[in-house]
Amino acid sequence: MTISGNIYPRKGDNQTVYLKNVITDPGIEVGDYTMYNDFVHDPRDFEKNNVLYHYPINGDCLKIGKFCSIACGAKFLFTSANHTMRSLSTYPFPIFFEEWDLSVNQITDAWDNKGDIVIGNDVWIGFEAVIMSGVTIGDGAIVGARAVVTKDVPPYTIVGGVPVKEIRKRFSDERISELLNLKWWDWPEEKIQKNICAIQTGNIDELL
């Protein structure tokens, strides 16, 4: 088994892509085998349709780990979607610097920079979920459909709602600690192949 250089992981399925193989923006990092499905738009247009307000001037990044599953319509909203709340008005005067005779060098004063969006490994992001700038989602977490994620999500935690609230942990604290130490997603492909049955059944004691 080798890491596929193909865009489409499934024969005859043009709605699902290996996301790493369609990314060109240097401000977006995606791990091996992470997939995106889109039945509305061309999934190859993920950068244009799903990563929004992501401008190089801010220097912020979208970082997505390995083996993530991202459902149709999930959105990642970056800093420039945020109007500053430090001033008397939320109106983005610095964007219209020519109209108001302002310096173009102060354009980033129009918003509050909240930083990178970081998605761990083996994360499932549901249909039309929205992830806001500055958020980190831990390994193994699940984000429910149409959830709005405004704060960090711990590893192996299921969240949902607007804004998100914790629904439950996927496993006991002890098992979560074991999985975080195990980091199966970093194993060589051959070892993952040998252990797929144990991974799928959730029997950590059967791992080779």
N, C-alpha and C. Protein backbone atom coordinates (compact mmCIF):
# COMPACT_ATOMS: atom_id res chain seq x y z
N MET A 1 0.85 -1.19 0.00
CA MET A 1 0.00 0.00 0.00
C MET A 1 0.88 1.24 0.00
N THR A 2 0.51 2.22 -0.80
CA THR A 2 1.25 3.48 -0.84
C THR A 2 0.29 4.64 -0.71
N ILE A 3 0.80 5.76 -0.24
CA ILE A 3 -0.03 6.96 -0.15
C ILE A 3 -0.46 7.36 -1.54
N SER A 4 -1.76 7.48 -1.75
CA SER A 4 -2.27 7.75 -3.08
C SER A 4 -1.97 9.17 -3.51
N GLY A 5 -1.46 9.29 -4.75
CA GLY A 5 -1.30 10.61 -5.34
C GLY A 5 -2.52 11.00 -6.13
N ASN A 6 -3.53 10.13 -6.13
CA ASN A 6 -4.75 10.42 -6.87
C ASN A 6 -5.59 11.45 -6.13
N ILE A 7 -6.35 12.20 -6.89
CA ILE A 7 -7.30 13.14 -6.28
C ILE A 7 -8.48 12.37 -5.71
N TYR A 8 -8.97 11.39 -6.45
CA TYR A 8 -10.19 10.68 -6.06
C TYR A 8 -9.83 9.32 -5.47
N PRO A 9 -10.15 9.08 -4.20
CA PRO A 9 -9.79 7.80 -3.56
C PRO A 9 -10.68 6.63 -3.97
N ARG A 10 -11.87 6.93 -4.52
CA ARG A 10 -12.79 5.85 -4.88
C ARG A 10 -13.11 5.92 -6.37
N LYS A 11 -12.96 4.82 -7.04
CA LYS A 11 -13.24 4.74 -8.47
C LYS A 11 -14.70 5.09 -8.75
N GLY A 12 -14.90 6.02 -9.67
CA GLY A 12 -16.24 6.41 -10.06
C GLY A 12 -16.90 7.43 -9.14
N ASP A 13 -16.22 7.85 -8.09
CA ASP A 13 -16.77 8.84 -7.14
C ASP A 13 -16.02 10.15 -7.30
N ASN A 14 -16.65 11.11 -7.97
CA ASN A 14 -16.03 12.42 -8.17
C ASN A 14 -16.48 13.45 -7.14
N GLN A 15 -17.20 12.98 -6.11
CA GLN A 15 -17.64 13.88 -5.05
C GLN A 15 -16.72 13.86 -3.85
N THR A 16 -15.79 12.92 -3.82
CA THR A 16 -14.90 12.75 -2.69
C THR A 16 -13.45 12.85 -3.15
N VAL A 17 -12.66 13.68 -2.45
CA VAL A 17 -11.26 13.87 -2.82
C VAL A 17 -10.35 13.68 -1.62
N TYR A 18 -9.12 13.25 -1.89
CA TYR A 18 -8.06 13.39 -0.90
C TYR A 18 -7.67 14.85 -0.90
N LEU A 19 -7.97 15.53 0.19
CA LEU A 19 -7.86 16.98 0.23
C LEU A 19 -6.44 17.47 -0.02
N LYS A 20 -5.46 16.74 0.48
CA LYS A 20 -4.07 17.14 0.32
C LYS A 20 -3.71 17.33 -1.15
N ASN A 21 -4.34 16.54 -2.02
CA ASN A 21 -3.97 16.53 -3.42
C ASN A 21 -4.68 17.59 -4.25
N VAL A 22 -5.51 18.42 -3.63
CA VAL A 22 -6.15 19.51 -4.37
C VAL A 22 -5.79 20.88 -3.79
N ILE A 23 -4.97 20.90 -2.76
CA ILE A 23 -4.60 22.15 -2.10
C ILE A 23 -3.39 22.78 -2.79
N THR A 24 -3.50 24.07 -3.06
CA THR A 24 -2.38 24.82 -3.64
C THR A 24 -1.96 26.00 -2.77
N ASP A 25 -2.82 26.44 -1.87
CA ASP A 25 -2.55 27.58 -1.00
C ASP A 25 -1.50 27.20 0.04
N PRO A 26 -0.37 27.92 0.10
CA PRO A 26 0.65 27.59 1.11
C PRO A 26 0.19 27.83 2.54
N GLY A 27 -0.92 28.53 2.72
CA GLY A 27 -1.46 28.77 4.05
C GLY A 27 -2.40 27.68 4.52
N ILE A 28 -2.49 26.59 3.75
CA ILE A 28 -3.33 25.46 4.13
C ILE A 28 -2.47 24.20 4.13
N GLU A 29 -2.46 23.48 5.27
CA GLU A 29 -1.70 22.24 5.39
C GLU A 29 -2.68 21.11 5.69
N VAL A 30 -2.56 20.02 4.94
CA VAL A 30 -3.47 18.89 5.12
C VAL A 30 -2.67 17.61 5.17
N GLY A 31 -3.01 16.73 6.12
CA GLY A 31 -2.32 15.46 6.27
C GLY A 31 -2.81 14.39 5.31
N ASP A 32 -2.06 13.31 5.24
CA ASP A 32 -2.38 12.18 4.36
C ASP A 32 -3.74 11.58 4.69
N TYR A 33 -4.43 11.18 3.64
CA TYR A 33 -5.69 10.45 3.69
C TYR A 33 -6.89 11.26 4.18
N THR A 34 -6.71 12.50 4.57
CA THR A 34 -7.87 13.32 4.93
C THR A 34 -8.73 13.52 3.69
N MET A 35 -10.03 13.32 3.84
CA MET A 35 -10.91 13.39 2.68
C MET A 35 -12.02 14.42 2.88
N TYR A 36 -12.46 14.96 1.74
CA TYR A 36 -13.56 15.91 1.73
C TYR A 36 -14.60 15.45 0.72
N ASN A 37 -15.87 15.47 1.11
CA ASN A 37 -16.97 15.10 0.22
C ASN A 37 -17.86 16.31 -0.03
N ASP A 38 -18.21 16.52 -1.30
CA ASP A 38 -19.10 17.63 -1.64
C ASP A 38 -20.01 17.20 -2.78
N PHE A 39 -21.32 17.15 -2.52
CA PHE A 39 -22.28 16.76 -3.54
C PHE A 39 -22.99 17.97 -4.14
N VAL A 40 -22.57 19.19 -3.72
CA VAL A 40 -23.15 20.42 -4.25
C VAL A 40 -22.19 21.08 -5.24
N HIS A 41 -20.93 21.21 -4.82
CA HIS A 41 -19.91 21.85 -5.64
C HIS A 41 -18.80 20.84 -5.96
N ASP A 42 -17.92 21.23 -6.85
CA ASP A 42 -16.76 20.41 -7.15
C ASP A 42 -15.86 20.39 -5.91
N PRO A 43 -15.60 19.22 -5.32
CA PRO A 43 -14.80 19.17 -4.10
C PRO A 43 -13.37 19.67 -4.30
N ARG A 44 -12.91 19.73 -5.55
CA ARG A 44 -11.58 20.25 -5.82
C ARG A 44 -11.48 21.75 -5.56
N ASP A 45 -12.65 22.41 -5.42
CA ASP A 45 -12.69 23.85 -5.16
C ASP A 45 -12.78 24.16 -3.67
N PHE A 46 -12.33 23.25 -2.84
CA PHE A 46 -12.38 23.42 -1.39
C PHE A 46 -11.79 24.76 -0.94
N GLU A 47 -10.64 25.12 -1.47
CA GLU A 47 -10.00 26.38 -1.06
C GLU A 47 -10.91 27.58 -1.29
N LYS A 48 -11.58 27.60 -2.43
CA LYS A 48 -12.43 28.73 -2.79
C LYS A 48 -13.76 28.74 -2.05
N ASN A 49 -14.37 27.56 -1.90
CA ASN A 49 -15.72 27.49 -1.37
C ASN A 49 -15.81 27.26 0.14
N ASN A 50 -14.75 26.74 0.74
CA ASN A 50 -14.86 26.32 2.14
C ASN A 50 -13.92 27.05 3.09
N VAL A 51 -12.84 27.61 2.57
CA VAL A 51 -11.88 28.35 3.40
C VAL A 51 -12.10 29.83 3.10
N LEU A 52 -12.78 30.51 4.01
CA LEU A 52 -13.30 31.85 3.72
C LEU A 52 -12.57 32.94 4.51
N TYR A 53 -12.46 34.12 3.88
CA TYR A 53 -11.80 35.28 4.50
C TYR A 53 -10.35 34.97 4.90
N HIS A 54 -9.72 34.13 4.12
CA HIS A 54 -8.36 33.69 4.42
C HIS A 54 -7.39 34.44 3.52
N TYR A 55 -6.89 35.57 4.01
CA TYR A 55 -6.05 36.45 3.20
C TYR A 55 -4.60 36.40 3.68
N PRO A 56 -3.65 36.38 2.74
CA PRO A 56 -2.23 36.26 3.12
C PRO A 56 -1.73 37.35 4.05
N ILE A 57 -2.37 38.52 4.02
CA ILE A 57 -1.91 39.65 4.83
C ILE A 57 -1.91 39.32 6.32
N ASN A 58 -2.77 38.37 6.73
CA ASN A 58 -2.87 38.03 8.16
C ASN A 58 -1.83 37.00 8.60
N GLY A 59 -1.34 36.21 7.66
CA GLY A 59 -0.35 35.19 8.00
C GLY A 59 -0.90 34.02 8.79
N ASP A 60 -2.23 33.86 8.83
CA ASP A 60 -2.80 32.74 9.58
C ASP A 60 -2.97 31.53 8.68
N CYS A 61 -3.05 30.35 9.30
CA CYS A 61 -3.05 29.10 8.55
C CYS A 61 -4.22 28.21 8.95
N LEU A 62 -4.60 27.36 8.00
CA LEU A 62 -5.50 26.24 8.28
C LEU A 62 -4.65 24.98 8.29
N LYS A 63 -4.65 24.29 9.43
CA LYS A 63 -3.84 23.08 9.56
C LYS A 63 -4.78 21.91 9.89
N ILE A 64 -4.80 20.92 9.02
CA ILE A 64 -5.67 19.76 9.17
C ILE A 64 -4.81 18.51 9.21
N GLY A 65 -5.05 17.66 10.18
CA GLY A 65 -4.24 16.47 10.35
C GLY A 65 -4.56 15.34 9.39
N LYS A 66 -4.10 14.15 9.72
CA LYS A 66 -4.28 12.96 8.89
C LYS A 66 -5.61 12.27 9.20
N PHE A 67 -6.12 11.56 8.21
CA PHE A 67 -7.28 10.68 8.35
C PHE A 67 -8.52 11.43 8.87
N CYS A 68 -8.67 12.68 8.51
CA CYS A 68 -9.88 13.43 8.88
C CYS A 68 -10.96 13.21 7.82
N SER A 69 -12.22 13.34 8.25
CA SER A 69 -13.37 13.23 7.36
C SER A 69 -14.15 14.53 7.44
N ILE A 70 -14.24 15.24 6.32
CA ILE A 70 -14.89 16.54 6.29
C ILE A 70 -16.09 16.45 5.36
N ALA A 71 -17.26 16.73 5.92
CA ALA A 71 -18.50 16.58 5.16
C ALA A 71 -18.79 17.82 4.32
N CYS A 72 -19.72 17.62 3.40
CA CYS A 72 -20.12 18.67 2.44
C CYS A 72 -20.50 19.96 3.16
N GLY A 73 -19.97 21.07 2.64
CA GLY A 73 -20.38 22.38 3.11
C GLY A 73 -19.72 22.87 4.37
N ALA A 74 -18.82 22.09 4.96
CA ALA A 74 -18.11 22.58 6.15
C ALA A 74 -17.32 23.84 5.78
N LYS A 75 -17.34 24.82 6.66
CA LYS A 75 -16.69 26.10 6.39
C LYS A 75 -15.68 26.42 7.48
N PHE A 76 -14.59 27.06 7.04
CA PHE A 76 -13.53 27.51 7.95
C PHE A 76 -13.43 29.02 7.78
N LEU A 77 -13.88 29.77 8.79
CA LEU A 77 -13.96 31.22 8.71
C LEU A 77 -12.77 31.86 9.42
N PHE A 78 -12.00 32.62 8.66
CA PHE A 78 -10.78 33.20 9.20
C PHE A 78 -10.96 34.63 9.68
N THR A 79 -9.87 35.17 10.19
CA THR A 79 -9.83 36.44 10.90
C THR A 79 -10.56 37.58 10.20
N SER A 80 -10.40 37.69 8.90
CA SER A 80 -10.98 38.84 8.20
C SER A 80 -12.50 38.82 8.19
N ALA A 81 -13.11 37.72 8.64
CA ALA A 81 -14.56 37.70 8.82
C ALA A 81 -14.97 38.42 10.10
N ASN A 82 -13.99 38.71 10.96
CA ASN A 82 -14.27 39.34 12.26
C ASN A 82 -14.08 40.85 12.16
N HIS A 83 -15.11 41.60 12.45
CA HIS A 83 -14.96 43.06 12.56
C HIS A 83 -14.47 43.38 13.97
N THR A 84 -13.56 44.31 14.06
CA THR A 84 -12.99 44.62 15.37
C THR A 84 -14.04 45.11 16.35
N MET A 85 -13.88 44.72 17.59
CA MET A 85 -14.77 45.20 18.65
C MET A 85 -14.01 46.11 19.62
N ARG A 86 -12.77 46.49 19.21
CA ARG A 86 -11.96 47.38 20.05
C ARG A 86 -12.29 48.84 19.83
N SER A 87 -12.93 49.15 18.70
CA SER A 87 -13.22 50.55 18.38
C SER A 87 -14.66 50.90 18.73
N LEU A 88 -15.02 52.15 18.54
CA LEU A 88 -16.39 52.58 18.83
C LEU A 88 -17.38 52.00 17.84
N SER A 89 -16.90 51.72 16.62
CA SER A 89 -17.76 51.17 15.57
C SER A 89 -17.17 49.87 15.04
N THR A 90 -18.05 48.94 14.66
CA THR A 90 -17.58 47.73 14.01
C THR A 90 -17.45 47.91 12.50
N TYR A 91 -17.78 49.08 11.99
CA TYR A 91 -17.67 49.33 10.55
C TYR A 91 -16.20 49.26 10.14
N PRO A 92 -15.87 48.52 9.06
CA PRO A 92 -14.46 48.31 8.69
C PRO A 92 -13.86 49.46 7.87
N PHE A 93 -13.73 50.61 8.51
CA PHE A 93 -13.16 51.77 7.81
C PHE A 93 -11.81 51.45 7.13
N PRO A 94 -10.89 50.73 7.77
CA PRO A 94 -9.58 50.52 7.14
C PRO A 94 -9.63 49.79 5.81
N ILE A 95 -10.69 48.99 5.57
CA ILE A 95 -10.81 48.31 4.28
C ILE A 95 -11.01 49.32 3.16
N PHE A 96 -11.72 50.38 3.47
CA PHE A 96 -12.02 51.41 2.48
C PHE A 96 -11.07 52.59 2.65
N PHE A 97 -9.77 52.26 2.70
CA PHE A 97 -8.74 53.27 3.01
C PHE A 97 -8.71 54.38 1.98
N GLU A 98 -9.01 54.09 0.72
CA GLU A 98 -8.99 55.14 -0.31
C GLU A 98 -10.15 56.11 -0.10
N GLU A 99 -11.30 55.57 0.25
CA GLU A 99 -12.49 56.40 0.47
C GLU A 99 -12.31 57.36 1.64
N TRP A 100 -11.60 56.91 2.69
CA TRP A 100 -11.47 57.68 3.92
C TRP A 100 -10.06 58.24 4.13
N ASP A 101 -9.25 58.17 3.08
CA ASP A 101 -7.88 58.73 3.12
C ASP A 101 -7.09 58.16 4.30
N LEU A 102 -7.12 56.82 4.40
CA LEU A 102 -6.38 56.13 5.45
C LEU A 102 -5.18 55.40 4.82
N SER A 103 -4.28 54.95 5.66
CA SER A 103 -3.11 54.22 5.17
C SER A 103 -3.46 52.77 4.89
N VAL A 104 -3.03 52.27 3.74
CA VAL A 104 -3.26 50.87 3.40
C VAL A 104 -2.53 49.95 4.38
N ASN A 105 -1.48 50.47 5.01
CA ASN A 105 -0.72 49.67 5.96
C ASN A 105 -1.50 49.35 7.24
N GLN A 106 -2.63 50.03 7.42
CA GLN A 106 -3.45 49.79 8.62
C GLN A 106 -4.72 48.99 8.32
N ILE A 107 -4.73 48.33 7.17
CA ILE A 107 -5.95 47.63 6.77
C ILE A 107 -6.34 46.53 7.75
N THR A 108 -5.35 45.89 8.39
CA THR A 108 -5.66 44.81 9.32
C THR A 108 -6.28 45.30 10.62
N ASP A 109 -6.33 46.63 10.81
CA ASP A 109 -7.02 47.17 11.99
C ASP A 109 -8.53 46.99 11.89
N ALA A 110 -9.01 46.57 10.72
CA ALA A 110 -10.45 46.40 10.53
C ALA A 110 -10.99 45.18 11.26
N TRP A 111 -10.09 44.27 11.65
CA TRP A 111 -10.55 43.05 12.30
C TRP A 111 -9.61 42.66 13.44
N ASP A 112 -10.09 41.78 14.29
CA ASP A 112 -9.27 41.25 15.39
C ASP A 112 -8.69 39.91 14.94
N ASN A 113 -7.38 39.82 14.92
CA ASN A 113 -6.72 38.60 14.45
C ASN A 113 -6.75 37.53 15.53
N LYS A 114 -7.47 36.46 15.28
CA LYS A 114 -7.63 35.40 16.28
C LYS A 114 -6.74 34.19 16.01
N GLY A 115 -6.01 34.19 14.87
CA GLY A 115 -5.01 33.17 14.65
C GLY A 115 -5.45 31.98 13.81
N ASP A 116 -4.63 30.94 13.86
CA ASP A 116 -4.80 29.75 13.03
C ASP A 116 -6.04 28.95 13.43
N ILE A 117 -6.51 28.14 12.47
CA ILE A 117 -7.46 27.07 12.76
C ILE A 117 -6.67 25.76 12.68
N VAL A 118 -6.71 24.98 13.75
CA VAL A 118 -5.92 23.74 13.81
C VAL A 118 -6.87 22.56 14.06
N ILE A 119 -6.88 21.64 13.12
CA ILE A 119 -7.70 20.44 13.23
C ILE A 119 -6.75 19.26 13.44
N GLY A 120 -7.00 18.46 14.46
CA GLY A 120 -6.13 17.33 14.76
C GLY A 120 -6.27 16.20 13.77
N ASN A 121 -5.87 15.03 14.17
CA ASN A 121 -5.94 13.83 13.33
C ASN A 121 -7.21 13.04 13.65
N ASP A 122 -7.73 12.34 12.64
CA ASP A 122 -8.90 11.47 12.83
C ASP A 122 -10.10 12.25 13.36
N VAL A 123 -10.27 13.47 12.86
CA VAL A 123 -11.39 14.32 13.25
C VAL A 123 -12.50 14.21 12.19
N TRP A 124 -13.74 14.11 12.65
CA TRP A 124 -14.89 14.06 11.75
C TRP A 124 -15.65 15.38 11.91
N ILE A 125 -15.75 16.13 10.82
CA ILE A 125 -16.47 17.40 10.81
C ILE A 125 -17.73 17.22 9.98
N GLY A 126 -18.88 17.42 10.61
CA GLY A 126 -20.17 17.13 10.00
C GLY A 126 -20.64 18.16 8.99
N PHE A 127 -21.74 17.81 8.35
CA PHE A 127 -22.36 18.59 7.28
C PHE A 127 -22.58 20.06 7.68
N GLU A 128 -22.03 20.97 6.87
CA GLU A 128 -22.20 22.41 7.02
C GLU A 128 -21.78 22.96 8.38
N ALA A 129 -20.90 22.27 9.06
CA ALA A 129 -20.35 22.82 10.30
C ALA A 129 -19.49 24.04 9.98
N VAL A 130 -19.39 24.96 10.93
CA VAL A 130 -18.60 26.18 10.75
C VAL A 130 -17.54 26.24 11.85
N ILE A 131 -16.29 26.36 11.44
CA ILE A 131 -15.17 26.44 12.38
C ILE A 131 -14.61 27.85 12.32
N MET A 132 -14.59 28.54 13.45
CA MET A 132 -14.15 29.93 13.49
C MET A 132 -12.65 30.05 13.71
N SER A 133 -12.10 31.19 13.36
CA SER A 133 -10.66 31.43 13.48
C SER A 133 -10.22 31.31 14.94
N GLY A 134 -8.98 30.84 15.11
CA GLY A 134 -8.41 30.70 16.44
C GLY A 134 -8.75 29.42 17.16
N VAL A 135 -9.57 28.56 16.53
CA VAL A 135 -10.06 27.35 17.19
C VAL A 135 -9.10 26.18 16.93
N THR A 136 -8.91 25.35 17.95
CA THR A 136 -8.19 24.08 17.82
C THR A 136 -9.14 22.94 18.15
N ILE A 137 -9.21 21.95 17.27
CA ILE A 137 -10.04 20.77 17.49
C ILE A 137 -9.10 19.59 17.69
N GLY A 138 -9.22 18.92 18.81
CA GLY A 138 -8.28 17.86 19.18
C GLY A 138 -8.46 16.58 18.38
N ASP A 139 -7.46 15.72 18.44
CA ASP A 139 -7.48 14.42 17.76
C ASP A 139 -8.73 13.64 18.13
N GLY A 140 -9.31 12.97 17.13
CA GLY A 140 -10.41 12.06 17.38
C GLY A 140 -11.74 12.70 17.72
N ALA A 141 -11.83 14.03 17.64
CA ALA A 141 -13.08 14.72 17.99
C ALA A 141 -14.10 14.58 16.86
N ILE A 142 -15.36 14.80 17.21
CA ILE A 142 -16.46 14.79 16.23
C ILE A 142 -17.24 16.08 16.38
N VAL A 143 -17.45 16.79 15.26
CA VAL A 143 -18.22 18.03 15.23
C VAL A 143 -19.53 17.76 14.51
N GLY A 144 -20.65 17.98 15.18
CA GLY A 144 -21.94 17.67 14.62
C GLY A 144 -22.33 18.53 13.44
N ALA A 145 -23.31 18.07 12.68
CA ALA A 145 -23.81 18.80 11.53
C ALA A 145 -24.30 20.19 11.93
N ARG A 146 -23.90 21.18 11.13
CA ARG A 146 -24.31 22.59 11.28
C ARG A 146 -23.93 23.19 12.63
N ALA A 147 -23.00 22.58 13.29
CA ALA A 147 -22.48 23.17 14.52
C ALA A 147 -21.64 24.39 14.20
N VAL A 148 -21.56 25.32 15.13
CA VAL A 148 -20.70 26.50 14.99
C VAL A 148 -19.67 26.43 16.11
N VAL A 149 -18.42 26.21 15.72
CA VAL A 149 -17.35 25.97 16.69
C VAL A 149 -16.63 27.28 16.97
N THR A 150 -16.86 27.83 18.15
CA THR A 150 -16.27 29.11 18.53
C THR A 150 -15.19 28.97 19.59
N LYS A 151 -14.98 27.75 20.07
CA LYS A 151 -13.98 27.53 21.11
C LYS A 151 -13.31 26.18 20.88
N ASP A 152 -12.20 25.94 21.53
CA ASP A 152 -11.44 24.71 21.35
C ASP A 152 -12.27 23.49 21.75
N VAL A 153 -12.02 22.39 21.03
CA VAL A 153 -12.69 21.12 21.31
C VAL A 153 -11.64 20.12 21.78
N PRO A 154 -11.80 19.54 22.97
CA PRO A 154 -10.82 18.56 23.46
C PRO A 154 -10.77 17.31 22.60
N PRO A 155 -9.68 16.56 22.67
CA PRO A 155 -9.58 15.31 21.91
C PRO A 155 -10.69 14.33 22.26
N TYR A 156 -11.12 13.58 21.26
CA TYR A 156 -12.11 12.51 21.41
C TYR A 156 -13.38 12.97 22.12
N THR A 157 -13.80 14.18 21.76
CA THR A 157 -15.02 14.75 22.33
C THR A 157 -16.02 15.02 21.21
N ILE A 158 -17.28 14.70 21.45
CA ILE A 158 -18.36 14.98 20.49
C ILE A 158 -19.01 16.30 20.88
N VAL A 159 -19.11 17.23 19.92
CA VAL A 159 -19.73 18.53 20.18
C VAL A 159 -20.79 18.81 19.12
N GLY A 160 -21.75 19.66 19.48
CA GLY A 160 -22.79 20.06 18.54
C GLY A 160 -23.49 21.30 19.03
N GLY A 161 -24.27 21.92 18.14
CA GLY A 161 -25.07 23.08 18.52
C GLY A 161 -24.48 24.39 18.06
N VAL A 162 -25.22 25.47 18.37
CA VAL A 162 -24.83 26.83 17.99
C VAL A 162 -24.94 27.74 19.21
N PRO A 163 -23.79 28.15 19.80
CA PRO A 163 -22.45 27.62 19.53
C PRO A 163 -22.31 26.23 20.13
N VAL A 164 -21.21 25.57 19.82
CA VAL A 164 -21.08 24.16 20.23
C VAL A 164 -21.04 24.00 21.75
N LYS A 165 -21.59 22.89 22.16
CA LYS A 165 -21.47 22.44 23.54
C LYS A 165 -21.04 20.99 23.51
N GLU A 166 -20.35 20.57 24.56
CA GLU A 166 -19.91 19.19 24.65
C GLU A 166 -21.12 18.28 24.84
N ILE A 167 -21.20 17.23 24.02
CA ILE A 167 -22.26 16.25 24.15
C ILE A 167 -21.78 15.10 25.03
N ARG A 168 -20.63 14.57 24.69
CA ARG A 168 -20.03 13.53 25.53
C ARG A 168 -18.63 13.22 25.02
N LYS A 169 -17.87 12.53 25.87
CA LYS A 169 -16.58 11.99 25.46
C LYS A 169 -16.83 10.68 24.69
N ARG A 170 -15.98 10.40 23.72
CA ARG A 170 -16.14 9.16 22.97
C ARG A 170 -15.69 7.95 23.79
N PHE A 171 -14.70 8.14 24.64
CA PHE A 171 -14.14 7.04 25.43
C PHE A 171 -13.85 7.54 26.84
N SER A 172 -13.44 6.63 27.69
CA SER A 172 -13.03 7.00 29.04
C SER A 172 -11.75 7.83 28.96
N ASP A 173 -11.46 8.57 30.02
CA ASP A 173 -10.23 9.38 30.05
C ASP A 173 -9.00 8.49 29.89
N GLU A 174 -9.06 7.31 30.49
CA GLU A 174 -7.93 6.39 30.40
C GLU A 174 -7.70 5.94 28.95
N ARG A 175 -8.79 5.60 28.25
CA ARG A 175 -8.67 5.16 26.87
C ARG A 175 -8.22 6.31 25.96
N ILE A 176 -8.72 7.50 26.23
CA ILE A 176 -8.30 8.66 25.43
C ILE A 176 -6.81 8.90 25.58
N SER A 177 -6.31 8.78 26.80
CA SER A 177 -4.88 8.95 27.04
C SER A 177 -4.07 7.90 26.27
N GLU A 178 -4.57 6.66 26.26
CA GLU A 178 -3.90 5.58 25.52
C GLU A 178 -3.85 5.91 24.04
N LEU A 179 -4.96 6.37 23.49
CA LEU A 179 -5.04 6.66 22.06
C LEU A 179 -4.13 7.83 21.67
N LEU A 180 -4.08 8.84 22.53
CA LEU A 180 -3.22 9.99 22.24
C LEU A 180 -1.75 9.60 22.28
N ASN A 181 -1.41 8.65 23.12
CA ASN A 181 -0.03 8.15 23.16
C ASN A 181 0.26 7.22 21.98
N LEU A 182 -0.77 6.50 21.57
CA LEU A 182 -0.62 5.53 20.48
C LEU A 182 -0.34 6.22 19.14
N LYS A 183 -1.11 7.29 18.86
CA LYS A 183 -0.97 8.05 17.59
C LYS A 183 -0.92 7.11 16.39
N TRP A 184 -1.93 6.28 16.24
CA TRP A 184 -1.93 5.28 15.16
C TRP A 184 -1.81 5.92 13.78
N TRP A 185 -2.30 7.14 13.65
CA TRP A 185 -2.26 7.83 12.35
C TRP A 185 -0.83 8.13 11.88
N ASP A 186 0.13 8.06 12.79
CA ASP A 186 1.53 8.27 12.42
C ASP A 186 2.27 6.97 12.11
N TRP A 187 1.58 5.85 12.25
CA TRP A 187 2.21 4.57 11.95
C TRP A 187 2.54 4.47 10.46
N PRO A 188 3.52 3.62 10.10
CA PRO A 188 3.73 3.30 8.68
C PRO A 188 2.46 2.69 8.09
N GLU A 189 2.26 2.90 6.82
CA GLU A 189 1.05 2.40 6.17
C GLU A 189 0.88 0.89 6.34
N GLU A 190 1.99 0.16 6.29
CA GLU A 190 1.91 -1.30 6.42
C GLU A 190 1.36 -1.71 7.78
N LYS A 191 1.75 -0.99 8.83
CA LYS A 191 1.27 -1.30 10.18
C LYS A 191 -0.21 -0.95 10.31
N ILE A 192 -0.63 0.16 9.71
CA ILE A 192 -2.05 0.51 9.73
C ILE A 192 -2.86 -0.58 9.03
N GLN A 193 -2.35 -1.02 7.87
CA GLN A 193 -3.04 -2.07 7.11
C GLN A 193 -3.24 -3.32 7.95
N LYS A 194 -2.22 -3.72 8.69
CA LYS A 194 -2.30 -4.93 9.52
C LYS A 194 -3.27 -4.77 10.68
N ASN A 195 -3.53 -3.53 11.08
CA ASN A 195 -4.34 -3.29 12.28
C ASN A 195 -5.71 -2.68 11.99
N ILE A 196 -6.10 -2.65 10.72
CA ILE A 196 -7.38 -2.03 10.39
C ILE A 196 -8.54 -2.69 11.12
N CYS A 197 -8.55 -4.00 11.22
CA CYS A 197 -9.66 -4.69 11.91
C CYS A 197 -9.75 -4.26 13.36
N ALA A 198 -8.62 -4.20 14.05
CA ALA A 198 -8.62 -3.79 15.46
C ALA A 198 -9.02 -2.33 15.60
N ILE A 199 -8.58 -1.48 14.67
CA ILE A 199 -8.95 -0.07 14.70
C ILE A 199 -10.46 0.08 14.53
N GLN A 200 -11.01 -0.68 13.59
CA GLN A 200 -12.45 -0.57 13.31
C GLN A 200 -13.31 -1.12 14.43
N THR A 201 -12.87 -2.19 15.05
CA THR A 201 -13.68 -2.78 16.13
C THR A 201 -13.47 -2.07 17.46
N GLY A 202 -12.44 -1.21 17.53
CA GLY A 202 -12.17 -0.47 18.76
C GLY A 202 -11.48 -1.27 19.83
N ASN A 203 -10.91 -2.42 19.45
CA ASN A 203 -10.25 -3.28 20.44
C ASN A 203 -8.76 -2.96 20.47
N ILE A 204 -8.37 -2.09 21.35
CA ILE A 204 -6.99 -1.65 21.42
C ILE A 204 -6.04 -2.77 21.84
N ASP A 205 -6.58 -3.79 22.52
CA ASP A 205 -5.75 -4.89 22.99
C ASP A 205 -5.35 -5.83 21.85
N GLU A 206 -6.02 -5.73 20.71
CA GLU A 206 -5.70 -6.59 19.57
C GLU A 206 -4.73 -5.95 18.61
N LEU A 207 -4.28 -4.72 18.88
CA LEU A 207 -3.34 -4.05 17.99
C LEU A 207 -2.01 -4.80 17.97
N LEU A 208 -1.45 -4.92 16.78
CA LEU A 208 -0.20 -5.66 16.60
C LEU A 208 1.00 -4.74 16.75
